[in-house]
N, C-alpha and C. Protein backbone atom coordinates (compact mmCIF):
# COMPACT_ATOMS: atom_id res chain seq x y z
N THR A 1 -44.47 48.55 86.06
CA THR A 1 -45.24 48.53 85.18
C THR A 1 -44.42 47.98 84.04
N MET A 2 -45.51 47.28 83.50
CA MET A 2 -45.62 45.80 82.74
C MET A 2 -45.48 46.14 81.44
N MET A 3 -44.34 46.00 81.26
CA MET A 3 -43.88 46.09 79.02
C MET A 3 -44.23 45.01 78.36
N SER A 4 -44.17 45.54 77.03
CA SER A 4 -44.87 44.44 76.57
C SER A 4 -43.91 44.50 74.31
N PRO A 5 -43.38 43.72 73.70
CA PRO A 5 -43.28 43.86 72.62
C PRO A 5 -43.98 44.50 72.35
N VAL A 6 -43.37 45.76 70.83
CA VAL A 6 -44.09 46.83 70.25
C VAL A 6 -43.96 46.15 68.71
N ARG A 7 -44.85 45.86 68.18
CA ARG A 7 -44.79 45.77 67.08
C ARG A 7 -44.83 46.74 65.38
N HIS A 8 -43.68 46.98 65.16
CA HIS A 8 -44.11 48.74 64.05
C HIS A 8 -43.57 48.27 62.60
N GLY A 9 -43.96 48.91 61.87
CA GLY A 9 -43.00 48.42 60.25
C GLY A 9 -41.69 49.60 61.04
N ALA A 10 -41.11 49.76 59.35
CA ALA A 10 -39.95 50.63 59.53
C ALA A 10 -40.43 52.28 60.02
N PHE A 11 -38.92 52.79 59.61
CA PHE A 11 -39.59 53.48 60.71
C PHE A 11 -38.42 54.87 59.09
N ALA A 12 -38.94 56.08 58.44
CA ALA A 12 -38.27 56.74 58.46
C ALA A 12 -37.11 57.26 59.24
N ALA A 13 -36.14 57.78 58.27
CA ALA A 13 -34.91 58.54 59.46
C ALA A 13 -35.37 60.02 59.71
N GLY A 14 -36.52 60.15 58.94
CA GLY A 14 -36.91 61.67 59.92
C GLY A 14 -37.70 61.36 60.74
N CYS A 15 -37.95 60.71 61.29
CA CYS A 15 -38.94 59.94 62.36
C CYS A 15 -37.84 60.13 63.89
N ILE A 16 -36.32 59.46 63.44
CA ILE A 16 -36.00 59.27 65.00
C ILE A 16 -35.59 60.44 65.09
N ARG A 17 -35.93 60.32 66.27
CA ARG A 17 -35.38 61.50 67.24
C ARG A 17 -33.90 62.03 67.84
N ASP A 18 -33.39 60.40 68.19
CA ASP A 18 -32.33 60.27 69.48
C ASP A 18 -32.91 58.83 69.68
N ILE A 19 -31.21 57.75 69.14
CA ILE A 19 -31.08 56.20 69.58
C ILE A 19 -29.88 55.71 70.23
N ALA A 20 -29.82 55.64 71.70
CA ALA A 20 -28.24 54.84 71.81
C ALA A 20 -28.61 53.88 72.08
N GLY A 21 -27.09 52.66 72.59
CA GLY A 21 -27.26 51.79 72.82
C GLY A 21 -25.99 51.25 73.24
N ARG A 22 -25.98 49.54 73.52
CA ARG A 22 -24.68 49.24 74.00
C ARG A 22 -24.64 48.11 73.21
N PHE A 23 -23.04 48.01 72.76
CA PHE A 23 -22.96 46.98 71.53
C PHE A 23 -22.61 46.07 72.39
N ALA A 24 -22.71 45.05 72.53
CA ALA A 24 -22.61 43.93 73.43
C ALA A 24 -21.74 43.13 73.06
N SER A 25 -22.07 42.21 71.49
CA SER A 25 -20.95 41.98 70.75
C SER A 25 -21.13 42.23 69.24
N PRO A 26 -19.96 41.94 68.72
CA PRO A 26 -19.35 42.37 67.24
C PRO A 26 -21.13 42.13 66.04
N THR A 27 -21.33 42.86 65.73
CA THR A 27 -23.04 42.56 64.66
C THR A 27 -22.16 42.14 63.14
N PRO A 28 -22.62 41.54 62.88
CA PRO A 28 -22.08 40.58 61.39
C PRO A 28 -22.83 41.57 60.56
N LEU A 29 -22.34 41.83 58.99
CA LEU A 29 -23.01 42.24 58.44
C LEU A 29 -24.06 42.02 57.11
N ASP A 30 -23.45 40.66 57.36
CA ASP A 30 -24.11 39.29 56.14
C ASP A 30 -25.22 38.84 56.62
N CYS A 31 -25.78 39.40 57.81
CA CYS A 31 -27.05 38.48 58.46
C CYS A 31 -27.89 39.41 58.72
N ASP A 32 -29.46 39.01 59.37
CA ASP A 32 -30.36 40.27 59.39
C ASP A 32 -30.58 40.47 61.11
N LEU A 33 -30.86 42.11 61.44
CA LEU A 33 -30.40 42.39 63.04
C LEU A 33 -31.96 42.88 63.37
N ASN A 34 -32.55 41.50 64.06
CA ASN A 34 -33.84 41.46 64.50
C ASN A 34 -33.68 42.79 66.01
N VAL A 35 -35.11 43.00 66.15
CA VAL A 35 -34.62 44.40 67.16
C VAL A 35 -35.86 43.96 67.71
N THR A 36 -36.43 43.89 69.34
CA THR A 36 -37.54 43.93 69.88
C THR A 36 -37.06 45.63 70.71
N ALA A 37 -39.00 45.52 70.90
CA ALA A 37 -38.67 46.90 71.34
C ALA A 37 -39.72 47.01 72.43
N PHE A 38 -39.76 47.63 73.12
CA PHE A 38 -40.87 47.80 74.30
C PHE A 38 -40.82 49.52 74.41
N GLY A 39 -42.23 49.64 74.60
CA GLY A 39 -42.93 51.33 74.45
C GLY A 39 -42.92 51.59 76.05
N ILE A 40 -41.34 52.41 76.02
CA ILE A 40 -41.36 53.44 77.65
C ILE A 40 -42.78 54.19 77.96
N SER A 41 -43.17 55.47 76.45
CA SER A 41 -43.92 56.06 76.88
C SER A 41 -43.96 56.76 75.65
N GLY A 42 -45.08 57.90 75.22
CA GLY A 42 -45.71 58.49 74.15
C GLY A 42 -44.83 58.00 72.60
N ASN A 43 -43.20 58.44 73.01
CA ASN A 43 -42.61 58.17 72.15
C ASN A 43 -41.04 57.55 72.26
N SER A 44 -40.90 57.27 72.93
CA SER A 44 -39.55 56.52 73.65
C SER A 44 -40.13 55.13 74.04
N PHE A 45 -38.69 54.62 73.25
CA PHE A 45 -39.11 52.74 73.92
C PHE A 45 -37.70 52.06 74.20
N ALA A 46 -37.57 51.46 74.13
CA ALA A 46 -36.17 50.20 75.43
C ALA A 46 -36.88 49.11 73.80
N PHE A 47 -34.83 48.94 73.34
CA PHE A 47 -34.83 47.84 72.88
C PHE A 47 -33.55 47.19 73.27
N GLU A 48 -33.38 45.86 72.11
CA GLU A 48 -32.40 44.85 72.24
C GLU A 48 -31.96 44.35 70.88
N ALA A 49 -31.29 44.32 70.38
CA ALA A 49 -31.14 43.64 69.14
C ALA A 49 -30.29 42.13 68.95
N GLU A 50 -31.20 41.06 68.45
CA GLU A 50 -29.56 40.18 67.80
C GLU A 50 -29.97 39.73 66.80
N ALA A 51 -28.13 38.89 66.00
CA ALA A 51 -28.06 38.64 64.90
C ALA A 51 -27.47 37.05 65.14
N ASN A 52 -28.02 36.03 64.59
CA ASN A 52 -27.40 34.93 64.59
C ASN A 52 -27.87 34.36 65.62
N GLY A 53 -28.76 35.04 66.57
CA GLY A 53 -29.00 34.48 67.76
C GLY A 53 -28.62 34.95 68.74
N THR A 54 -27.40 35.85 68.60
CA THR A 54 -26.73 36.46 69.62
C THR A 54 -27.20 38.20 69.95
N THR A 55 -27.14 38.50 70.90
CA THR A 55 -27.58 40.06 71.30
C THR A 55 -26.18 40.67 71.38
N THR A 56 -26.84 41.28 70.50
CA THR A 56 -25.58 42.09 69.86
C THR A 56 -25.61 43.93 70.23
N ILE A 57 -27.26 44.08 70.31
CA ILE A 57 -27.54 45.49 70.98
C ILE A 57 -28.08 45.28 72.66
N SER A 58 -27.64 46.09 73.68
CA SER A 58 -28.63 45.42 74.67
C SER A 58 -28.76 47.14 74.89
N HIS A 59 -29.76 47.43 75.77
CA HIS A 59 -30.19 48.48 76.59
C HIS A 59 -29.84 49.70 76.10
N GLY A 60 -31.08 49.59 75.01
CA GLY A 60 -31.13 50.19 73.49
C GLY A 60 -32.46 51.75 74.09
N ARG A 61 -32.25 52.32 73.62
CA ARG A 61 -33.59 53.86 73.78
C ARG A 61 -33.20 54.02 72.58
N LEU A 62 -34.46 54.56 72.20
CA LEU A 62 -34.79 55.43 70.35
C LEU A 62 -36.38 56.19 70.93
N GLU A 63 -35.74 56.88 70.71
CA GLU A 63 -36.85 57.66 70.73
C GLU A 63 -37.14 58.82 69.48
N LEU A 64 -39.32 58.95 69.24
CA LEU A 64 -39.14 59.60 68.03
C LEU A 64 -39.61 60.46 68.67
N ARG A 65 -39.59 61.06 66.95
CA ARG A 65 -40.50 62.79 67.02
C ARG A 65 -41.43 63.02 67.32
N ALA A 66 -42.19 63.45 67.78
CA ALA A 66 -43.35 63.85 68.00
C ALA A 66 -44.17 64.38 66.69
């Protein structure tokens, strides 16, 4: 199965059912956190996040409410 990046606006906190991930390195609080998400199924996404060019969250999974 080929996954491609998903473009989506901000999520309201009530839309998120579950979120999990692995911190790969410290995430600075004074910079942007860029998240790349890939659709897995209807309401499930895999994601990674980076800050200042360094991966800070890997193996992430996001589940949205239906």
